[in-house]
Amino acid sequence: MNWREHVWIDAARMHGTPCMKGTRVPVHVILDNLAAGETPETILDQYPSLRPEHIPAALAFAAELAHERVVPIPA
């Protein structure tokens, strides 16, 4: 999955928050919902501007960020 085809960042929209192309839905909204246990189908129902390919693109975006940054995790 090439997330770059589905994620855009524009400083003039949503204050530069990464969003799914063609929408104003931030990537973090998809990730937050998945982390809360929502199914992709429910997320797509809640955000009609999303397309099914946006879900794996959001995950791929997050996975790449996880490789690039060190996030301290409490012991």
Protein backbone atom coordinates (compact mmCIF):
# COMPACT_ATOMS: atom_id res chain seq x y z
CA MET A 1 0.00 0.00 0.00
CA ASN A 2 1.45 3.32 -1.07
CA TRP A 3 -0.09 5.70 1.46
CA ARG A 4 1.30 8.71 -0.46
CA GLU A 5 -1.43 8.18 -3.06
CA HIS A 6 -4.10 8.68 -0.38
CA VAL A 7 -2.73 11.12 2.21
CA TRP A 8 -2.21 14.83 1.67
CA ILE A 9 -0.92 17.67 3.78
CA ASP A 10 -1.84 21.25 2.90
CA ALA A 11 -0.93 24.06 5.29
CA ALA A 12 -3.98 25.99 4.07
CA ARG A 13 -6.42 23.22 5.05
CA MET A 14 -6.93 21.70 8.46
CA HIS A 15 -3.82 23.57 9.70
CA GLY A 16 -1.53 21.14 7.87
CA THR A 17 -2.95 18.04 9.54
CA PRO A 18 -2.49 14.95 7.35
CA CYS A 19 -5.86 14.14 5.78
CA MET A 20 -7.17 11.57 3.36
CA LYS A 21 -7.11 12.95 -0.20
CA GLY A 22 -10.41 14.34 -1.36
CA THR A 23 -11.69 14.71 2.21
CA ARG A 24 -11.25 16.81 5.30
CA VAL A 25 -10.94 13.66 7.43
CA PRO A 26 -7.63 13.62 9.30
CA VAL A 27 -5.62 10.42 9.31
CA HIS A 28 -5.67 10.45 13.12
CA VAL A 29 -9.47 10.15 13.10
CA ILE A 30 -9.23 6.82 11.29
CA LEU A 31 -6.44 5.62 13.58
CA ASP A 32 -8.24 6.76 16.74
CA ASN A 33 -11.38 4.91 15.68
CA LEU A 34 -9.49 1.73 14.83
CA ALA A 35 -7.64 1.91 18.17
CA ALA A 36 -11.00 2.26 19.92
CA GLY A 37 -12.15 -1.00 18.32
CA GLU A 38 -14.32 0.38 15.53
CA THR A 39 -14.51 -1.71 12.38
CA PRO A 40 -13.50 -0.28 9.02
CA GLU A 41 -17.13 -0.64 7.90
CA THR A 42 -18.35 1.49 10.81
CA ILE A 43 -15.73 4.15 10.12
CA LEU A 44 -16.73 4.27 6.46
CA ASP A 45 -20.39 4.62 7.48
CA GLN A 46 -19.55 7.44 9.91
CA TYR A 47 -17.43 9.34 7.37
CA PRO A 48 -19.13 9.03 3.96
CA SER A 49 -16.35 10.93 2.15
CA LEU A 50 -13.86 8.14 2.98
CA ARG A 51 -13.18 5.31 0.55
CA PRO A 52 -12.28 1.75 1.59
CA GLU A 53 -8.66 2.21 0.48
CA HIS A 54 -8.26 5.07 2.98
CA ILE A 55 -8.26 2.66 5.94
CA PRO A 56 -5.14 0.65 4.98
CA ALA A 57 -3.50 3.87 3.74
CA ALA A 58 -3.93 5.42 7.20
CA LEU A 59 -2.38 2.33 8.78
CA ALA A 60 0.52 2.37 6.33
CA PHE A 61 1.11 6.07 7.07
CA ALA A 62 1.19 5.37 10.82
CA ALA A 63 3.50 2.39 10.34
CA GLU A 64 5.99 4.50 8.45
CA LEU A 65 5.90 7.20 11.12
CA ALA A 66 6.56 4.55 13.75
CA HIS A 67 9.78 3.62 11.94
CA GLU A 68 10.94 7.22 11.85
CA ARG A 69 10.38 8.28 15.44
CA VAL A 70 11.20 7.05 18.87
CA VAL A 71 8.17 7.11 21.12
CA PRO A 72 8.93 6.70 24.82
CA ILE A 73 6.78 3.97 26.34
CA PRO A 74 6.51 3.85 30.14
CA ALA A 75 7.76 0.61 31.69
